[in-house]
Amino acid sequence: MTLALVALYMLPGSAQEGSQAQIDRLYGQLPWRFIGPEGNRVLAVAGVAGDPLVYYAGAASGGIWKTSDGGQDWVPVFDDQPAFAIGALAVSPSDPNVVWAGTGETFLNSRTSLGLGVYKSTDAGKTWTQIGLEKTGRIARLVVDPADASVAFACVLGHASGPQPERGVFRTTDGGRTWNRVLFVDENTGCSDVAMNPKNSRILLAGMWQLQLNPWGPDSGGPGSGVFLSRDGGTTWTRLANGLPKQHVGVGKVAVAIAPSNPNRMYALIDTAKGRDTEPGEEWRSDDGGETWRMINAETGAISNYYTRMEVSPADENETYYLTGRFTKSIDGGVTLVDNTRWYDGPGADHHDMWIDPTNPNRMIVGHDLGASITLTRGRPHGWNRVRLPVAQMYHVSVDDQIPYNVYGNRQDGPGYIGTSNSRRGAAAEIPISLGGSGGDPRITRNYWHTINNRENGWAIPDPVNPDVVWTTGSGSGSIGGMVQRYEESRR
């Protein structure tokens, strides 16, 4: 794969013509090369049971990537598709050639990308077909029947910018040719998570999330949020109570899990930062297949509506993992947690998704805001291999008129950067994206970039008169407010 930065200039008449054909004719043959600065957010991960070589990673704005050598080399397999934000990935347990992808960002702030429904590959990611749910906006999870690759469920969050009927849980029984909405609360509530009993696919557990996205931030929680159970393959659902938080009492985003080794053990993570004393969240557990629930922990590692995801080991119902700003683990069913978020040997930061090999619980892949991490040692210290894919979310990009020209931009979950467009070390080499580096052209490494502010969004623009000065803007975690900063390159 090669990538390059190209500055587009308005040509005479192009404003009037303005067609995609004109754009393709002018710029379609220009080569691209990757120049940096470094990797970024992976929201969805999947693997093939029993095969330690194959993994998939879905980026927030960078499509789907696949490795066939255990994570050493990665190739993009989704670049030809019109959707680029990946929210969910699933490999059919009965046929690893069948891979499902749900599009749209589902770990949300006010500046996230929408998707175009569900895509499916029947040749292990070589080609893809759009198979429906185009109007849904965001798909948070896909689960596939272990015995029948034509039966799948889509957990649809929706675009969440206003009331919308395309929200809830959708089911297909014909491989995606048709979909039926089988769980719907209301037009303000979508699905945030769904889990299937691997020993009985007729039992499903779903988390529903009432959510409204506003320009100034999300309005999370409400009476629509809750935990739902189906015992007939998704045809009918029951809102669960029997110990769980009542409606109207500060229930936000919900994550769910069913223990593969003992499906009577069920878990629910509930974002409760809105109106409850147990801010920022609670973990609930059922030991009788969802009949009764009890809260077992209110210190689960900074649950918030930006995170809220967990997994259970296929070998032990008491071994649980929590994906939040930290990466935490429990070996007693969630009662006590151990924080494994060490920058030098943990998986990453701001964790979003996790896949555990059902045939080998030592093998895992975790997606996070630094990329993805693979372990063959159950996440023991120094046992993670971190992959930095070239999928950074750059809010804006600008260039100057120096030779070679410099590139400026602010990166999601990172600072503002300045870097060269040409290291003067020769032409770009086309190599695979490899483990441990930023990939692409080895002649423009991370060392050729440096930070110019501490704001993740906004602009970074060189001064038109003084080439040593850069003007940068950015806000905090919201979308309003912020500041303008002056950076002087000569004082670096």
Protein backbone atom coordinates (compact mmCIF):
# COMPACT_ATOMS: atom_id res chain seq x y z
CA MET A 1 0.00 0.00 0.00
CA THR A 2 1.24 3.50 -0.81
CA LEU A 3 -0.21 6.75 0.40
CA ALA A 4 0.71 10.37 -0.31
CA LEU A 5 -0.48 13.79 0.73
CA VAL A 6 -1.88 15.79 -2.17
CA ALA A 7 -2.91 19.45 -2.07
CA LEU A 8 -5.89 20.14 -4.32
CA TYR A 9 -6.01 23.48 -6.07
CA MET A 10 -9.12 24.96 -7.69
CA LEU A 11 -8.61 25.06 -11.43
CA PRO A 12 -10.42 27.44 -13.80
CA GLY A 13 -13.85 26.07 -14.58
CA SER A 14 -13.70 23.28 -12.02
CA ALA A 15 -16.18 25.07 -9.74
CA GLN A 16 -18.70 25.08 -12.52
CA GLU A 17 -18.10 21.54 -13.66
CA GLY A 18 -17.90 20.20 -10.13
CA SER A 19 -18.63 16.60 -11.06
CA GLN A 20 -17.07 13.50 -9.61
CA ALA A 21 -15.96 12.54 -13.10
CA GLN A 22 -14.02 15.80 -13.39
CA ILE A 23 -12.36 15.24 -10.02
CA ASP A 24 -11.45 11.67 -10.95
CA ARG A 25 -10.04 12.80 -14.29
CA LEU A 26 -7.85 15.45 -12.70
CA TYR A 27 -6.61 13.60 -9.66
CA GLY A 28 -7.57 9.93 -10.00
CA GLN A 29 -4.16 8.78 -11.24
CA LEU A 30 -2.10 10.59 -8.62
CA PRO A 31 -0.19 8.14 -6.41
CA TRP A 32 -0.48 8.22 -2.64
CA ARG A 33 2.12 7.43 0.00
CA PHE A 34 1.90 7.32 3.76
CA ILE A 35 3.92 10.06 5.48
CA GLY A 36 2.68 9.89 9.09
CA PRO A 37 2.49 10.89 11.80
CA GLU A 38 1.36 7.70 13.58
CA GLY A 39 -1.49 5.25 14.06
CA ASN A 40 -4.77 5.83 15.82
CA ARG A 41 -8.21 4.47 16.71
CA VAL A 42 -9.30 0.86 16.13
CA LEU A 43 -12.90 0.29 17.22
CA ALA A 44 -13.57 -3.31 16.15
CA VAL A 45 -11.46 -6.48 16.11
CA ALA A 46 -12.02 -10.12 15.21
CA GLY A 47 -10.07 -13.31 14.64
CA VAL A 48 -10.49 -16.85 13.39
CA ALA A 49 -10.95 -19.51 16.03
CA GLY A 50 -8.02 -21.90 16.14
CA ASP A 51 -5.94 -19.90 13.63
CA PRO A 52 -3.23 -17.76 15.30
CA LEU A 53 -2.30 -16.07 12.03
CA VAL A 54 -5.49 -14.30 10.95
CA TYR A 55 -6.92 -11.15 12.53
CA TYR A 56 -9.10 -8.28 11.37
CA ALA A 57 -9.09 -4.70 12.66
CA GLY A 58 -11.71 -2.07 11.90
CA ALA A 59 -10.68 1.57 12.18
CA ALA A 60 -12.78 4.54 13.20
CA SER A 61 -12.00 6.23 9.88
CA GLY A 62 -9.65 3.84 8.08
CA GLY A 63 -11.63 0.84 6.88
CA ILE A 64 -10.76 -2.80 7.57
CA TRP A 65 -7.26 -4.25 7.84
CA LYS A 66 -6.23 -7.91 7.80
CA THR A 67 -3.14 -9.81 8.82
CA SER A 68 -2.41 -13.37 7.73
CA ASP A 69 0.89 -13.81 9.55
CA GLY A 70 -0.04 -13.26 13.18
CA GLY A 71 0.13 -9.47 13.09
CA GLN A 72 3.49 -8.83 11.47
CA ASP A 73 2.12 -7.44 8.20
CA TRP A 74 -1.28 -5.82 7.58
CA VAL A 75 -3.09 -4.97 4.37
CA PRO A 76 -6.21 -2.83 3.83
CA VAL A 77 -9.08 -4.92 2.47
CA PHE A 78 -11.92 -2.38 2.45
CA ASP A 79 -10.53 0.62 0.58
CA ASP A 80 -12.77 0.16 -2.46
CA GLN A 81 -15.94 0.61 -0.41
CA PRO A 82 -17.73 3.96 0.08
CA ALA A 83 -17.89 3.50 3.87
CA PHE A 84 -14.74 3.96 5.94
CA ALA A 85 -15.90 4.02 9.60
CA ILE A 86 -16.07 0.51 11.07
CA GLY A 87 -18.08 -0.12 14.23
CA ALA A 88 -18.37 -3.93 14.33
CA LEU A 89 -16.65 -7.04 12.91
CA ALA A 90 -17.59 -10.72 13.14
CA VAL A 91 -16.21 -13.90 11.59
CA SER A 92 -18.77 -16.67 11.13
CA PRO A 93 -17.76 -19.49 13.51
CA SER A 94 -18.96 -22.19 11.10
CA ASP A 95 -17.22 -20.69 8.04
CA PRO A 96 -14.20 -18.38 8.56
CA ASN A 97 -14.43 -17.20 4.95
CA VAL A 98 -17.63 -15.35 5.85
CA VAL A 99 -16.82 -12.02 7.50
CA TRP A 100 -19.40 -9.41 8.52
CA ALA A 101 -18.74 -5.68 8.99
CA GLY A 102 -20.99 -3.07 10.54
CA THR A 103 -20.19 0.53 9.63
CA GLY A 104 -20.39 3.81 11.52
CA GLU A 105 -18.54 4.97 14.63
CA THR A 106 -20.18 3.82 17.84
CA PHE A 107 -17.73 5.09 20.46
CA LEU A 108 -18.99 8.59 20.22
CA ASN A 109 -18.22 12.22 20.66
CA SER A 110 -19.82 15.01 18.63
CA ARG A 111 -17.53 14.59 15.63
CA THR A 112 -17.88 11.00 14.49
CA SER A 113 -18.53 9.37 11.13
CA LEU A 114 -21.67 7.63 9.97
CA GLY A 115 -21.75 4.34 8.08
CA LEU A 116 -23.68 2.71 5.27
CA GLY A 117 -25.05 -0.40 6.94
CA VAL A 118 -23.72 -3.95 6.89
CA TYR A 119 -21.11 -5.39 4.53
CA LYS A 120 -20.26 -9.04 4.03
CA SER A 121 -17.36 -10.97 2.54
CA THR A 122 -17.53 -14.62 1.55
CA ASP A 123 -13.86 -14.90 0.57
CA ALA A 124 -12.11 -13.94 3.83
CA GLY A 125 -12.07 -10.23 3.14
CA LYS A 126 -10.94 -10.15 -0.49
CA THR A 127 -14.23 -8.72 -1.77
CA TRP A 128 -17.21 -7.14 -0.03
CA THR A 129 -20.90 -6.66 -0.70
CA GLN A 130 -23.25 -4.16 0.91
CA ILE A 131 -26.16 -6.23 2.30
CA GLY A 132 -28.56 -3.75 3.83
CA LEU A 133 -29.41 -1.47 6.76
CA GLU A 134 -28.04 1.51 4.82
CA LYS A 135 -30.10 4.05 6.79
CA THR A 136 -29.08 2.90 10.25
CA GLY A 137 -26.06 5.17 10.64
CA ARG A 138 -24.11 3.23 13.25
CA ILE A 139 -23.85 -0.49 14.02
CA ALA A 140 -22.37 -1.34 17.40
CA ARG A 141 -22.13 -5.14 17.28
CA LEU A 142 -22.70 -8.13 14.99
CA VAL A 143 -23.20 -11.69 16.26
CA VAL A 144 -23.46 -14.77 14.06
CA ASP A 145 -25.09 -18.10 14.87
CA PRO A 146 -22.26 -20.57 15.58
CA ALA A 147 -24.02 -23.33 13.63
CA ASP A 148 -25.51 -21.34 10.75
CA ALA A 149 -23.55 -18.62 8.93
CA SER A 150 -26.76 -17.29 7.35
CA VAL A 151 -28.24 -16.23 10.70
CA ALA A 152 -26.92 -13.01 12.24
CA PHE A 153 -28.01 -10.14 14.45
CA ALA A 154 -27.09 -6.48 14.05
CA CYS A 155 -27.05 -4.23 17.10
CA VAL A 156 -28.04 -0.87 15.58
CA LEU A 157 -27.35 2.30 17.54
CA GLY A 158 -28.65 4.60 14.80
CA HIS A 159 -27.32 7.98 13.74
CA ALA A 160 -28.54 9.29 17.14
CA SER A 161 -28.84 12.87 15.91
CA GLY A 162 -32.60 12.76 16.42
CA PRO A 163 -35.58 10.40 16.45
CA GLN A 164 -35.13 7.53 14.02
CA PRO A 165 -37.03 4.28 13.34
CA GLU A 166 -33.91 2.41 12.19
CA ARG A 167 -32.68 1.57 15.68
CA GLY A 168 -32.65 -1.58 17.81
CA VAL A 169 -31.76 -5.19 17.04
CA PHE A 170 -32.18 -6.52 13.49
CA ARG A 171 -32.09 -10.18 12.42
CA THR A 172 -31.32 -11.90 9.14
CA THR A 173 -31.93 -15.59 8.46
CA ASP A 174 -30.84 -15.57 4.82
CA GLY A 175 -27.27 -14.32 4.97
CA GLY A 176 -28.18 -10.65 4.85
CA ARG A 177 -30.51 -10.57 1.87
CA THR A 178 -33.33 -9.42 4.15
CA TRP A 179 -33.40 -7.94 7.65
CA ASN A 180 -36.20 -7.67 10.20
CA ARG A 181 -36.24 -5.42 13.24
CA VAL A 182 -36.89 -7.73 16.18
CA LEU A 183 -36.19 -5.45 19.17
CA PHE A 184 -37.35 -1.84 19.21
CA VAL A 185 -37.87 0.40 22.24
CA ASP A 186 -38.54 3.81 20.68
CA GLU A 187 -37.08 6.22 18.12
CA ASN A 188 -34.74 7.73 20.71
CA THR A 189 -33.19 4.44 21.82
CA GLY A 190 -30.71 2.24 19.97
CA CYS A 191 -28.78 -0.95 20.66
CA SER A 192 -25.39 -0.54 22.31
CA ASP A 193 -24.48 -4.24 22.65
CA VAL A 194 -25.80 -7.75 22.02
CA ALA A 195 -24.49 -11.17 23.06
CA MET A 196 -25.46 -14.70 22.02
CA ASN A 197 -25.34 -17.86 24.08
CA PRO A 198 -22.73 -19.92 22.17
CA LYS A 199 -24.31 -23.18 23.37
CA ASN A 200 -27.88 -22.16 22.54
CA SER A 201 -28.18 -19.50 19.86
CA ARG A 202 -31.84 -18.93 20.70
CA ILE A 203 -30.79 -17.08 23.86
CA LEU A 204 -29.64 -13.50 23.34
CA LEU A 205 -28.91 -10.62 25.69
CA ALA A 206 -29.08 -7.01 24.52
CA GLY A 207 -28.16 -3.64 25.96
CA MET A 208 -30.28 -0.69 24.81
CA TRP A 209 -29.14 2.94 25.02
CA GLN A 210 -31.22 6.09 24.87
CA LEU A 211 -28.95 8.63 23.21
CA GLN A 212 -29.18 12.05 21.59
CA LEU A 213 -26.07 13.54 19.99
CA ASN A 214 -25.88 17.34 20.17
CA PRO A 215 -23.24 19.75 18.82
CA TRP A 216 -22.15 20.49 22.39
CA GLY A 217 -22.02 16.84 23.48
CA PRO A 218 -24.13 13.69 23.97
CA ASP A 219 -27.30 13.49 26.05
CA SER A 220 -26.89 9.96 27.35
CA GLY A 221 -29.46 7.94 29.25
CA GLY A 222 -33.16 7.81 29.88
CA PRO A 223 -36.11 5.45 30.28
CA GLY A 224 -35.35 3.69 27.00
CA SER A 225 -32.03 2.31 28.27
CA GLY A 226 -31.99 -1.17 29.79
CA VAL A 227 -31.16 -4.87 29.51
CA PHE A 228 -33.31 -7.18 27.37
CA LEU A 229 -33.40 -10.98 27.01
CA SER A 230 -34.72 -13.24 24.25
CA ARG A 231 -35.18 -17.01 24.61
CA ASP A 232 -36.67 -17.70 21.17
CA GLY A 233 -33.95 -16.64 18.75
CA GLY A 234 -34.78 -12.94 18.88
CA THR A 235 -38.47 -13.13 18.01
CA THR A 236 -39.64 -11.78 21.38
CA TRP A 237 -37.78 -9.86 24.08
CA THR A 238 -38.29 -9.10 27.76
CA ARG A 239 -36.97 -6.06 29.59
CA LEU A 240 -35.14 -7.45 32.63
CA ALA A 241 -35.58 -6.14 36.16
CA ASN A 242 -35.28 -8.34 39.26
CA GLY A 243 -32.51 -6.26 40.78
CA LEU A 244 -31.35 -4.23 37.77
CA PRO A 245 -31.66 -0.43 37.94
CA LYS A 246 -35.20 0.79 37.36
CA GLN A 247 -36.18 2.86 34.36
CA HIS A 248 -35.84 6.62 34.73
CA VAL A 249 -33.02 6.18 37.27
CA GLY A 250 -29.83 7.28 35.53
CA VAL A 251 -29.29 4.37 33.16
CA GLY A 252 -27.13 5.24 30.14
CA LYS A 253 -25.10 3.05 27.81
CA VAL A 254 -25.29 -0.70 28.48
CA ALA A 255 -22.82 -3.48 27.61
CA VAL A 256 -23.67 -7.17 28.02
CA ALA A 257 -21.84 -10.50 28.03
CA ILE A 258 -22.66 -14.19 28.39
CA ALA A 259 -19.98 -16.55 29.76
CA PRO A 260 -19.23 -19.24 27.11
CA SER A 261 -18.21 -21.81 29.75
CA ASN A 262 -21.41 -21.31 31.74
CA PRO A 263 -24.15 -19.44 29.85
CA ASN A 264 -26.19 -19.04 33.03
CA ARG A 265 -23.59 -16.46 34.04
CA MET A 266 -24.51 -13.11 32.48
CA TYR A 267 -23.01 -9.66 32.94
CA ALA A 268 -24.19 -6.10 32.33
CA LEU A 269 -22.06 -2.96 32.47
CA ILE A 270 -24.19 0.14 32.91
CA ASP A 271 -23.07 3.72 32.42
CA THR A 272 -24.74 5.49 35.34
CA ALA A 273 -23.01 8.85 35.33
CA LYS A 274 -26.34 10.62 34.88
CA GLY A 275 -28.18 10.90 38.17
CA ARG A 276 -26.94 7.95 40.26
CA ASP A 277 -24.62 7.86 43.24
CA THR A 278 -22.44 5.13 41.74
CA GLU A 279 -20.85 7.40 39.16
CA PRO A 280 -19.35 6.57 36.75
CA GLY A 281 -20.82 3.08 36.36
CA GLU A 282 -21.98 -0.24 37.74
CA GLU A 283 -21.38 -3.90 36.96
CA TRP A 284 -24.29 -6.29 37.41
CA ARG A 285 -24.25 -10.09 37.34
CA SER A 286 -26.78 -12.87 36.99
CA ASP A 287 -25.98 -16.47 37.94
CA ASP A 288 -29.31 -17.93 36.85
CA GLY A 289 -29.61 -17.08 33.17
CA GLY A 290 -30.98 -13.58 33.68
CA GLU A 291 -33.74 -14.36 36.17
CA THR A 292 -32.18 -12.29 38.99
CA TRP A 293 -29.40 -9.72 39.12
CA ARG A 294 -27.18 -8.13 41.72
CA MET A 295 -24.67 -5.30 41.54
CA ILE A 296 -21.19 -6.58 42.23
CA ASN A 297 -18.98 -3.59 41.49
CA ALA A 298 -19.21 0.17 41.12
CA GLU A 299 -15.46 0.68 40.54
CA THR A 300 -15.05 -0.85 37.10
CA GLY A 301 -12.44 1.44 35.63
CA ALA A 302 -14.05 4.72 34.54
CA ILE A 303 -17.06 3.47 32.63
CA SER A 304 -18.58 6.23 30.57
CA ASN A 305 -20.69 6.48 27.45
CA TYR A 306 -17.47 6.76 25.41
CA TYR A 307 -16.42 3.24 26.45
CA THR A 308 -18.55 0.56 28.19
CA ARG A 309 -17.53 -2.81 26.74
CA MET A 310 -16.46 -6.09 28.37
CA GLU A 311 -15.56 -9.68 27.50
CA VAL A 312 -15.58 -13.00 29.36
CA SER A 313 -12.94 -15.68 28.95
CA PRO A 314 -14.24 -18.76 27.10
CA ALA A 315 -12.51 -20.94 29.69
CA ASP A 316 -13.66 -19.37 32.96
CA GLU A 317 -16.93 -17.62 33.80
CA ASN A 318 -15.14 -15.62 36.50
CA GLU A 319 -12.37 -14.26 34.25
CA THR A 320 -13.63 -10.96 32.87
CA TYR A 321 -12.06 -8.03 31.02
CA TYR A 322 -13.21 -4.41 31.03
CA LEU A 323 -12.51 -2.04 28.15
CA THR A 324 -12.61 1.57 29.26
CA GLY A 325 -9.98 4.28 29.58
CA ARG A 326 -8.15 1.52 31.44
CA PHE A 327 -7.78 -2.19 30.69
CA THR A 328 -8.82 -4.12 33.77
CA LYS A 329 -9.26 -7.78 34.61
CA SER A 330 -11.07 -9.83 37.24
CA ILE A 331 -10.65 -13.48 38.15
CA ASP A 332 -13.49 -13.58 40.69
CA GLY A 333 -16.45 -12.70 38.52
CA GLY A 334 -16.01 -8.95 38.65
CA VAL A 335 -15.82 -8.48 42.41
CA THR A 336 -12.19 -7.29 42.42
CA LEU A 337 -10.33 -5.79 39.47
CA VAL A 338 -6.67 -5.57 38.52
CA ASP A 339 -5.58 -2.63 36.36
CA ASN A 340 -3.36 -3.77 33.47
CA THR A 341 -3.07 -0.34 31.83
CA ARG A 342 0.67 0.08 31.97
CA TRP A 343 1.92 2.14 29.04
CA TYR A 344 5.04 0.03 28.66
CA ASP A 345 3.44 -3.43 28.63
CA GLY A 346 -0.35 -3.00 28.51
CA PRO A 347 -2.45 -3.23 25.36
CA GLY A 348 -3.01 0.49 24.79
CA ALA A 349 -5.23 3.38 25.88
CA ASP A 350 -8.96 4.13 25.57
CA HIS A 351 -9.93 0.52 24.83
CA HIS A 352 -12.96 -0.30 22.66
CA ASP A 353 -13.18 -3.92 21.56
CA MET A 354 -11.72 -7.33 22.34
CA TRP A 355 -11.79 -10.77 20.76
CA ILE A 356 -10.69 -13.94 22.59
CA ASP A 357 -10.07 -17.17 20.70
CA PRO A 358 -12.77 -19.60 21.91
CA THR A 359 -10.35 -22.49 21.39
CA ASN A 360 -7.38 -20.84 23.13
CA PRO A 361 -8.12 -18.25 25.83
CA ASN A 362 -4.47 -17.18 25.89
CA ARG A 363 -4.86 -15.59 22.44
CA MET A 364 -6.51 -12.17 22.30
CA ILE A 365 -6.66 -8.99 20.25
CA VAL A 366 -7.73 -5.62 21.67
CA GLY A 367 -8.68 -2.50 19.71
CA HIS A 368 -7.93 0.91 21.25
CA ASP A 369 -7.11 4.50 20.46
CA LEU A 370 -3.46 3.68 19.73
CA GLY A 371 -4.29 0.90 17.26
CA ALA A 372 -4.56 -2.79 18.14
CA SER A 373 -2.64 -5.17 20.38
CA ILE A 374 -2.22 -8.94 20.18
CA THR A 375 -1.22 -11.32 22.95
CA LEU A 376 -0.57 -15.06 22.99
CA THR A 377 0.01 -15.11 26.74
CA ARG A 378 -3.39 -14.00 28.12
CA GLY A 379 -2.11 -10.45 28.47
CA ARG A 380 0.70 -11.18 30.88
CA PRO A 381 3.26 -8.38 31.46
CA HIS A 382 5.33 -7.67 28.37
CA GLY A 383 3.12 -10.05 26.43
CA TRP A 384 1.39 -7.54 24.12
CA ASN A 385 2.48 -6.75 20.57
CA ARG A 386 1.11 -3.35 19.59
CA VAL A 387 0.16 -2.61 15.99
CA ARG A 388 0.06 1.00 14.80
CA LEU A 389 -1.88 1.13 11.56
CA PRO A 390 -1.86 4.28 9.37
CA VAL A 391 -5.43 5.22 10.26
CA ALA A 392 -5.00 8.42 12.27
CA GLN A 393 -8.02 10.71 12.31
CA MET A 394 -6.75 14.13 11.27
CA TYR A 395 -9.30 16.88 11.79
CA HIS A 396 -7.73 19.25 9.25
CA VAL A 397 -4.57 19.33 7.15
CA SER A 398 -2.64 22.32 5.79
CA VAL A 399 0.71 22.86 4.09
CA ASP A 400 3.25 25.65 3.68
CA ASP A 401 5.26 26.74 0.64
CA GLN A 402 8.70 25.63 1.79
CA ILE A 403 10.75 23.15 -0.22
CA PRO A 404 10.07 20.40 0.62
CA TYR A 405 6.74 21.59 1.98
CA ASN A 406 5.70 20.81 5.54
CA VAL A 407 2.39 19.29 6.58
CA TYR A 408 0.36 20.48 9.57
CA GLY A 409 -2.61 18.84 11.30
CA ASN A 410 -4.38 18.04 14.55
CA ARG A 411 -4.97 14.37 15.37
CA GLN A 412 -7.85 12.77 17.25
CA ASP A 413 -6.82 11.81 20.78
CA GLY A 414 -3.45 13.45 20.24
CA PRO A 415 -1.72 16.78 19.71
CA GLY A 416 -1.17 18.98 16.69
CA TYR A 417 1.73 17.96 14.45
CA ILE A 418 4.17 19.34 11.92
CA GLY A 419 6.09 17.02 9.61
CA THR A 420 7.96 17.05 6.35
CA SER A 421 6.50 15.83 3.08
CA ASN A 422 9.87 14.56 1.89
CA SER A 423 12.77 13.39 4.00
CA ARG A 424 15.19 13.80 1.04
CA ARG A 425 16.25 10.19 1.48
CA GLY A 426 15.00 8.90 -1.84
CA ALA A 427 11.77 7.70 -3.40
CA ALA A 428 9.11 5.95 -1.38
CA ALA A 429 9.36 2.23 -0.98
CA GLU A 430 6.20 0.16 -1.15
CA ILE A 431 6.26 -2.19 1.82
CA PRO A 432 3.58 -3.80 3.96
CA ILE A 433 2.36 -2.07 7.09
CA SER A 434 4.39 -3.86 9.72
CA LEU A 435 4.18 -4.47 13.44
CA GLY A 436 5.86 -1.92 15.65
CA GLY A 437 6.17 0.91 13.13
CA SER A 438 3.92 3.44 11.50
CA GLY A 439 4.20 1.59 8.19
CA GLY A 440 4.43 2.94 4.65
CA ASP A 441 7.58 4.77 3.57
CA PRO A 442 10.38 3.99 6.06
CA ARG A 443 12.18 7.18 4.98
CA ILE A 444 9.59 9.40 6.69
CA THR A 445 9.49 7.98 10.18
CA ARG A 446 7.86 9.27 13.34
CA ASN A 447 11.10 11.13 14.08
CA TYR A 448 10.35 13.55 11.24
CA TRP A 449 7.25 14.77 13.07
CA HIS A 450 6.94 16.83 16.23
CA THR A 451 4.10 18.37 18.20
CA ILE A 452 3.07 22.01 17.99
CA ASN A 453 0.17 22.10 20.48
CA ASN A 454 -1.68 19.96 22.96
CA ARG A 455 -5.12 20.13 21.33
CA GLU A 456 -6.53 17.14 19.48
CA ASN A 457 -8.95 18.97 17.18
CA GLY A 458 -9.07 22.25 15.29
CA TRP A 459 -6.54 23.69 12.86
CA ALA A 460 -2.79 24.13 12.57
CA ILE A 461 -1.90 26.74 9.94
CA PRO A 462 1.51 28.26 9.12
CA ASP A 463 1.82 32.04 9.23
CA PRO A 464 1.86 33.39 5.65
CA VAL A 465 4.62 35.91 6.49
CA ASN A 466 6.83 34.28 9.13
CA PRO A 467 7.60 30.59 8.37
CA ASP A 468 8.68 30.01 11.99
CA VAL A 469 5.19 30.74 13.33
CA VAL A 470 2.25 28.33 13.37
CA TRP A 471 -1.26 29.29 14.50
CA THR A 472 -3.29 26.51 16.06
CA THR A 473 -6.82 26.20 17.38
CA GLY A 474 -8.59 23.51 19.33
CA SER A 475 -11.23 22.77 21.89
CA GLY A 476 -11.28 20.28 24.70
CA SER A 477 -13.42 17.16 24.75
CA GLY A 478 -16.53 19.06 23.66
CA SER A 479 -17.23 20.98 20.47
CA ILE A 480 -17.51 24.56 21.76
CA GLY A 481 -15.07 26.83 23.52
CA GLY A 482 -11.34 26.34 23.03
CA MET A 483 -8.37 28.59 22.32
CA VAL A 484 -5.94 29.94 19.74
CA GLN A 485 -2.25 29.24 20.28
CA ARG A 486 0.91 30.63 18.67
CA TYR A 487 3.80 28.24 18.15
CA GLU A 488 7.30 29.38 17.15
CA GLU A 489 9.40 26.76 15.42
CA SER A 490 12.62 28.65 16.20
CA ARG A 491 12.02 28.11 19.95
CA ARG A 492 11.63 24.37 19.69
